Amino acid sequence: MPADQRDQRDQRDQRDQRDQRDQRDRRPDRPRRPTAADGLLIVDKPAGWTSHDVVAKARWLAGTRKVGHAGTLDPMATGVLVLGVGRATRLLTWVTGADKEYRATIRLGESTTTDDAEGESVSRVPVTAVPAGLTAAVAELTGAIQQVPSAVSAIKVDGQRAYARVRAGEDVQLAARPVTVHEFEVGDIRVGGDAVDVDVRVVCSSGTYIRALARDLGAALGVGGHLTMLRRTRVGGYPITAARSLAELEEWPMDTPVDTLPLAEAARATFPTRDLTADEARALGHGQRIAPSGVDGAERTVAAIAPDGTLVALIEDRGPQARPVLVFAGS
């Protein structure tokens, strides 16, 4: 069976499996799990699942509808998906903006409609050796760059997702936006047939599309390119080593709440922290201001921790005082 037919068959099988899981989880006789404590779930998303699929599963696993995620992963991608449960959903805005790390494989010699292996091939250029300009092209895509997102991204255009417009037959042209590729490292390179597969490691700012990097690398070399594998290995302070698979979570005892990363620990992985006195904790809990923390710049938001180790609030210096921007104590 040709490779493209196998891919289509695999995608159909994955959709059928998701439909079966959804029907099972929505059964009225499905036992209800106890509600998990407010906190984060770090999930190793499997291939074939959308981020929405994982959130739906986590709602059942955590025994609550109040579950959200900090940044989507494409169905073909695997790796770190940060979920907020209960009040921890209020932290997700900050987690979403954190830098991210990926492992990926870029195939040089073919372009697709989606810039990844799930799209249809639009051009092929035989590549039988490692392109001579590979190192220079990677360097040009490192640092502060202007990147045009993939047309099938979730970016909204006039209130509608770009991918929805593409599927409706529109020619979507997205504007370039500034992103930062902190590290773009080339690993193993494999030459086979008429294409070259390049394994890479990328550390980048939020909003960077790895599919677009693959597309632009192929374009710079004049041969086209797309992603064949993508794995997110870190989101901010949450590495893949802290993630659990859905299979592990499903094996959790039915009468025991699923463990979450407590609010204070979750905050410590994202923000600078400040240990409060009892009086400061009490004041912040009532929305009052306290003495400044002395933190400036990009890390201005600080997690304020009570003497008992709980997260009281997120605070920021404003003039001669620190004010709460998000209060957890008593909320």
Protein backbone atom coordinates (compact mmCIF):
# COMPACT_ATOMS: atom_id res chain seq x y z
CA MET A 1 0.00 0.00 0.00
CA PRO A 2 1.44 3.45 -0.92
CA ALA A 3 2.53 5.66 1.96
CA ASP A 4 -0.15 8.32 1.34
CA GLN A 5 -2.90 5.69 1.45
CA ARG A 6 -1.48 4.29 4.70
CA ASP A 7 -1.48 7.79 6.18
CA GLN A 8 -5.12 8.32 5.18
CA ARG A 9 -6.06 4.95 6.66
CA ASP A 10 -4.23 5.75 9.91
CA GLN A 11 -5.98 9.12 10.17
CA ARG A 12 -9.39 7.44 9.69
CA ASP A 13 -8.53 4.89 12.36
CA GLN A 14 -7.49 7.65 14.77
CA ARG A 15 -10.77 9.53 14.18
CA ASP A 16 -12.77 6.35 14.76
CA GLN A 17 -10.89 5.68 18.01
CA ARG A 18 -11.56 9.25 19.23
CA ASP A 19 -15.27 8.90 18.42
CA GLN A 20 -15.42 5.64 20.39
CA ARG A 21 -13.65 7.26 23.38
CA ASP A 22 -16.02 10.24 23.30
CA GLN A 23 -19.09 7.99 23.23
CA ARG A 24 -17.73 5.92 26.12
CA ASP A 25 -16.91 8.96 28.26
CA ARG A 26 -20.36 10.50 27.69
CA ARG A 27 -22.37 7.43 28.67
CA PRO A 28 -24.89 8.32 31.39
CA ASP A 29 -23.86 5.22 33.35
CA ARG A 30 -20.19 6.21 33.23
CA PRO A 31 -19.01 6.34 36.88
CA ARG A 32 -18.13 9.81 38.17
CA ARG A 33 -14.67 10.37 39.54
CA PRO A 34 -14.04 12.45 42.67
CA THR A 35 -13.11 16.07 41.96
CA ALA A 36 -9.37 16.70 41.79
CA ALA A 37 -7.76 19.50 43.79
CA ASP A 38 -7.09 22.83 42.09
CA GLY A 39 -3.78 22.55 40.25
CA LEU A 40 -2.09 21.62 37.00
CA LEU A 41 -2.07 18.35 35.10
CA ILE A 42 0.99 17.95 32.87
CA VAL A 43 -0.06 15.51 30.16
CA ASP A 44 2.03 13.78 27.51
CA LYS A 45 -0.42 14.16 24.63
CA PRO A 46 -0.56 11.13 22.33
CA ALA A 47 -0.56 11.34 18.55
CA GLY A 48 -3.97 11.45 16.91
CA TRP A 49 -5.61 13.42 19.73
CA THR A 50 -6.58 17.07 19.48
CA SER A 51 -5.96 19.31 22.48
CA HIS A 52 -9.75 19.49 22.88
CA ASP A 53 -9.88 15.67 23.02
CA VAL A 54 -7.38 15.73 25.90
CA VAL A 55 -9.32 18.43 27.77
CA ALA A 56 -12.54 16.42 27.39
CA LYS A 57 -10.82 13.32 28.79
CA ALA A 58 -9.26 15.34 31.62
CA ARG A 59 -12.67 16.68 32.64
CA TRP A 60 -13.79 13.14 33.32
CA LEU A 61 -10.50 12.15 34.94
CA ALA A 62 -10.54 15.22 37.23
CA GLY A 63 -14.27 14.99 37.99
CA THR A 64 -14.95 18.59 36.94
CA ARG A 65 -15.88 20.61 33.88
CA LYS A 66 -13.45 23.35 34.90
CA VAL A 67 -10.42 22.26 32.87
CA GLY A 68 -8.50 24.29 30.30
CA HIS A 69 -5.20 24.07 28.43
CA ALA A 70 -2.23 26.40 27.96
CA GLY A 71 -1.66 26.26 24.22
CA THR A 72 -2.75 23.72 21.64
CA LEU A 73 -0.82 20.92 19.99
CA ASP A 74 -1.72 19.65 16.52
CA PRO A 75 -3.22 16.14 16.35
CA MET A 76 -0.01 14.71 14.83
CA ALA A 77 2.11 16.22 17.61
CA THR A 78 2.90 14.62 20.96
CA GLY A 79 4.32 15.88 24.22
CA VAL A 80 3.73 18.44 26.93
CA LEU A 81 0.19 19.79 27.21
CA VAL A 82 -0.36 21.84 30.37
CA LEU A 83 -3.90 21.58 31.76
CA GLY A 84 -5.38 23.71 34.51
CA VAL A 85 -7.95 22.22 36.89
CA GLY A 86 -10.30 24.37 38.95
CA ARG A 87 -8.77 27.67 40.05
CA ALA A 88 -5.50 26.76 38.30
CA THR A 89 -7.18 27.66 34.99
CA ARG A 90 -6.52 31.27 36.07
CA LEU A 91 -2.76 30.63 35.78
CA LEU A 92 -2.95 29.44 32.19
CA THR A 93 -2.71 32.91 30.63
CA TRP A 94 0.84 33.21 31.99
CA VAL A 95 1.79 29.62 31.16
CA THR A 96 0.62 30.08 27.57
CA GLY A 97 3.12 32.90 27.12
CA ALA A 98 6.11 30.87 28.32
CA ASP A 99 8.86 29.72 25.97
CA LYS A 100 8.68 26.20 24.57
CA GLU A 101 11.04 23.45 23.47
CA TYR A 102 10.43 20.94 20.67
CA ARG A 103 12.02 17.96 18.96
CA ALA A 104 11.00 17.65 15.33
CA THR A 105 11.81 16.03 12.01
CA ILE A 106 11.79 18.15 8.87
CA ARG A 107 11.56 16.45 5.49
CA LEU A 108 13.34 18.41 2.77
CA GLY A 109 12.20 17.84 -0.81
CA GLU A 110 8.43 18.10 -0.45
CA SER A 111 5.95 20.85 0.44
CA THR A 112 2.40 20.19 1.67
CA THR A 113 -0.79 22.19 2.04
CA THR A 114 -0.51 22.15 5.85
CA ASP A 115 3.29 22.30 6.15
CA ASP A 116 3.17 18.90 7.87
CA ALA A 117 2.62 15.26 6.97
CA GLU A 118 -1.15 15.50 7.36
CA GLY A 119 -1.52 17.75 4.32
CA GLU A 120 -1.56 17.00 0.62
CA SER A 121 1.66 17.21 -1.36
CA VAL A 122 1.88 20.35 -3.50
CA SER A 123 5.44 20.08 -4.83
CA ARG A 124 8.35 17.66 -4.88
CA VAL A 125 12.00 18.34 -5.65
CA PRO A 126 14.36 15.34 -5.60
CA VAL A 127 16.96 15.75 -2.84
CA THR A 128 19.59 13.01 -2.82
CA ALA A 129 22.21 14.67 -0.61
CA VAL A 130 22.36 17.06 2.32
CA PRO A 131 21.82 20.58 0.90
CA ALA A 132 25.03 22.61 1.04
CA GLY A 133 23.31 25.67 2.50
CA LEU A 134 21.59 23.89 5.38
CA THR A 135 23.68 25.36 8.20
CA ALA A 136 23.38 28.91 6.85
CA ALA A 137 19.62 28.57 6.32
CA VAL A 138 19.12 27.35 9.90
CA ALA A 139 21.16 30.30 11.17
CA GLU A 140 18.95 32.73 9.22
CA LEU A 141 15.89 31.28 10.98
CA THR A 142 17.45 31.68 14.44
CA GLY A 143 16.98 34.71 16.67
CA ALA A 144 14.35 37.42 16.31
CA ILE A 145 12.57 36.76 13.02
CA GLN A 146 9.37 37.69 11.21
CA GLN A 147 7.34 34.51 10.68
CA VAL A 148 4.24 33.98 8.56
CA PRO A 149 2.09 31.42 10.43
CA SER A 150 0.82 28.37 8.58
CA ALA A 151 -2.49 29.07 6.84
CA VAL A 152 -4.10 26.17 8.71
CA SER A 153 -3.26 27.66 12.11
CA ALA A 154 -5.80 28.51 14.80
CA ILE A 155 -5.24 32.25 14.33
CA LYS A 156 -8.52 34.11 13.91
CA VAL A 157 -9.21 36.07 10.72
CA ASP A 158 -12.27 38.31 11.01
CA GLY A 159 -13.53 36.21 13.89
CA GLN A 160 -13.03 32.81 12.23
CA ARG A 161 -10.12 30.38 12.61
CA ALA A 162 -7.72 30.44 9.67
CA TYR A 163 -7.90 26.65 9.28
CA ALA A 164 -11.70 26.81 9.00
CA ARG A 165 -11.43 29.35 6.19
CA VAL A 166 -8.87 27.18 4.40
CA ARG A 167 -11.12 24.13 4.68
CA ALA A 168 -13.96 26.21 3.25
CA GLY A 169 -11.85 26.81 0.14
CA GLU A 170 -10.59 30.33 0.87
CA ASP A 171 -7.08 31.47 0.02
CA VAL A 172 -5.89 32.67 3.43
CA GLN A 173 -2.89 35.00 3.61
CA LEU A 174 -1.67 35.69 7.14
CA ALA A 175 0.57 38.59 8.07
CA ALA A 176 4.08 37.98 9.37
CA ARG A 177 4.55 38.41 13.09
CA PRO A 178 7.63 38.74 15.30
CA VAL A 179 8.80 35.59 17.09
CA THR A 180 12.08 34.54 18.64
CA VAL A 181 13.84 31.25 17.92
CA HIS A 182 16.29 31.03 20.81
CA GLU A 183 17.90 27.77 19.67
CA PHE A 184 17.63 25.86 16.38
CA GLU A 185 19.93 22.84 16.46
CA VAL A 186 20.38 20.22 13.76
CA GLY A 187 20.78 16.61 14.92
CA ASP A 188 20.67 13.44 12.84
CA ILE A 189 20.31 13.75 9.07
CA ARG A 190 19.04 10.85 6.97
CA VAL A 191 19.20 10.69 3.18
CA GLY A 192 16.78 8.27 1.56
CA GLY A 193 15.05 8.07 -1.79
CA ASP A 194 14.33 11.59 -3.06
CA ALA A 195 14.15 13.32 0.33
CA VAL A 196 16.31 14.23 3.32
CA ASP A 197 15.00 13.98 6.88
CA VAL A 198 16.55 16.40 9.39
CA ASP A 199 16.04 15.98 13.14
CA VAL A 200 16.06 19.31 14.96
CA ARG A 201 15.70 20.76 18.44
CA VAL A 202 14.00 24.14 18.75
CA VAL A 203 13.60 26.46 21.73
CA CYS A 204 11.32 29.37 20.89
CA SER A 205 8.97 32.03 22.11
CA SER A 206 5.26 31.50 22.44
CA GLY A 207 3.49 31.89 19.10
CA THR A 208 6.26 30.29 17.02
CA TYR A 209 5.04 27.68 14.53
CA ILE A 210 7.45 24.79 14.01
CA ARG A 211 5.57 23.84 10.85
CA ALA A 212 6.35 27.29 9.50
CA LEU A 213 10.04 26.81 10.36
CA ALA A 214 10.01 23.57 8.34
CA ARG A 215 8.29 25.33 5.43
CA ASP A 216 10.68 28.29 5.51
CA LEU A 217 13.78 26.10 5.80
CA GLY A 218 12.71 24.14 2.73
CA ALA A 219 11.91 27.35 0.86
CA ALA A 220 15.30 28.88 1.73
CA LEU A 221 17.00 25.80 0.29
CA GLY A 222 14.80 25.84 -2.81
CA VAL A 223 13.49 22.31 -2.29
CA GLY A 224 10.42 22.71 -0.06
CA GLY A 225 9.93 21.17 3.36
CA HIS A 226 7.39 19.98 5.88
CA LEU A 227 7.20 18.40 9.32
CA THR A 228 6.92 14.64 9.67
CA MET A 229 7.28 14.51 13.48
CA LEU A 230 6.77 17.01 16.29
CA ARG A 231 7.17 16.47 20.03
CA ARG A 232 6.92 19.27 22.59
CA THR A 233 9.40 18.54 25.36
CA ARG A 234 8.90 21.59 27.57
CA VAL A 235 6.48 24.44 28.23
CA GLY A 236 8.11 27.06 30.48
CA GLY A 237 9.06 25.33 33.72
CA TYR A 238 7.16 22.12 32.91
CA PRO A 239 9.38 19.48 31.21
CA ILE A 240 8.27 16.24 29.57
CA THR A 241 9.73 14.34 32.54
CA ALA A 242 6.92 15.81 34.68
CA ALA A 243 4.21 14.70 32.25
CA ARG A 244 1.98 11.67 32.59
CA SER A 245 0.34 9.75 29.80
CA LEU A 246 -3.43 9.50 29.53
CA ALA A 247 -3.06 5.74 29.95
CA GLU A 248 -1.41 6.30 33.35
CA LEU A 249 -4.15 8.71 34.42
CA GLU A 250 -6.91 6.34 33.31
CA GLU A 251 -5.46 3.67 35.61
CA TRP A 252 -5.90 5.97 38.62
CA PRO A 253 -8.13 4.35 41.30
CA MET A 254 -11.77 5.31 40.70
CA ASP A 255 -12.34 6.31 44.34
CA THR A 256 -9.26 8.55 44.59
CA PRO A 257 -8.94 12.08 43.13
CA VAL A 258 -6.30 12.38 40.42
CA ASP A 259 -3.15 14.08 41.70
CA THR A 260 -2.54 17.60 40.43
CA LEU A 261 0.44 19.90 40.81
CA PRO A 262 -0.68 22.18 43.68
CA LEU A 263 -1.19 25.87 42.96
CA ALA A 264 1.92 27.00 44.86
CA GLU A 265 4.20 24.47 43.13
CA ALA A 266 2.67 25.34 39.76
CA ALA A 267 3.33 29.02 40.39
CA ARG A 268 6.93 28.36 41.49
CA ALA A 269 7.61 26.76 38.10
CA THR A 270 6.41 29.87 36.26
CA PHE A 271 7.10 32.95 38.41
CA PRO A 272 9.67 34.36 40.80
CA THR A 273 8.33 33.82 44.32
CA ARG A 274 8.03 35.92 47.45
CA ASP A 275 7.55 34.47 50.92
CA LEU A 276 5.00 36.52 52.82
CA THR A 277 4.56 37.32 56.47
CA ALA A 278 1.23 36.42 58.01
CA ASP A 279 0.18 40.09 57.91
CA GLU A 280 1.12 40.41 54.23
CA ALA A 281 -0.76 37.23 53.37
CA ARG A 282 -3.84 38.52 55.16
CA ALA A 283 -3.66 41.88 53.39
CA LEU A 284 -3.27 40.37 49.93
CA GLY A 285 -6.10 37.96 50.63
CA HIS A 286 -8.33 41.01 51.03
CA GLY A 287 -7.00 42.60 47.83
CA GLN A 288 -4.84 45.15 49.64
CA ARG A 289 -1.39 46.36 48.62
CA ILE A 290 1.88 45.56 50.37
CA ALA A 291 5.51 46.67 50.20
CA PRO A 292 7.12 46.24 46.75
CA SER A 293 9.01 43.11 45.77
CA GLY A 294 11.73 44.95 43.83
CA VAL A 295 11.28 42.83 40.68
CA ASP A 296 11.36 44.62 37.33
CA GLY A 297 11.23 43.73 33.64
CA ALA A 298 9.78 40.62 32.04
CA GLU A 299 9.59 38.77 35.39
CA ARG A 300 7.65 41.52 37.11
CA THR A 301 4.79 39.20 38.08
CA VAL A 302 5.62 37.42 41.35
CA ALA A 303 3.92 34.51 43.10
CA ALA A 304 3.20 35.46 46.71
CA ILE A 305 3.38 32.45 49.05
CA ALA A 306 1.86 32.37 52.55
CA PRO A 307 3.76 31.06 55.60
CA ASP A 308 1.79 27.80 55.33
CA GLY A 309 3.05 27.26 51.76
CA THR A 310 -0.16 28.11 49.90
CA LEU A 311 -0.43 30.49 46.95
CA VAL A 312 -2.06 33.74 48.06
CA ALA A 313 -1.84 35.86 44.92
CA LEU A 314 0.12 36.98 41.92
CA ILE A 315 1.47 40.47 42.51
CA GLU A 316 3.24 43.20 40.56
CA ASP A 317 5.09 46.29 41.73
CA ARG A 318 3.25 49.49 40.95
CA GLY A 319 5.14 52.53 42.17
CA PRO A 320 5.91 52.35 45.89
CA GLN A 321 3.72 49.27 46.48
CA ALA A 322 3.00 45.78 45.16
CA ARG A 323 -0.58 45.19 44.15
CA PRO A 324 -2.39 41.88 43.59
CA VAL A 325 -3.26 41.11 39.98
CA LEU A 326 -4.85 37.76 40.80
CA VAL A 327 -5.95 36.67 44.27
CA PHE A 328 -6.34 33.00 45.19
CA ALA A 329 -6.72 33.15 48.97
CA GLY A 330 -10.41 32.90 49.81
CA SER A 331 -11.43 32.71 46.13
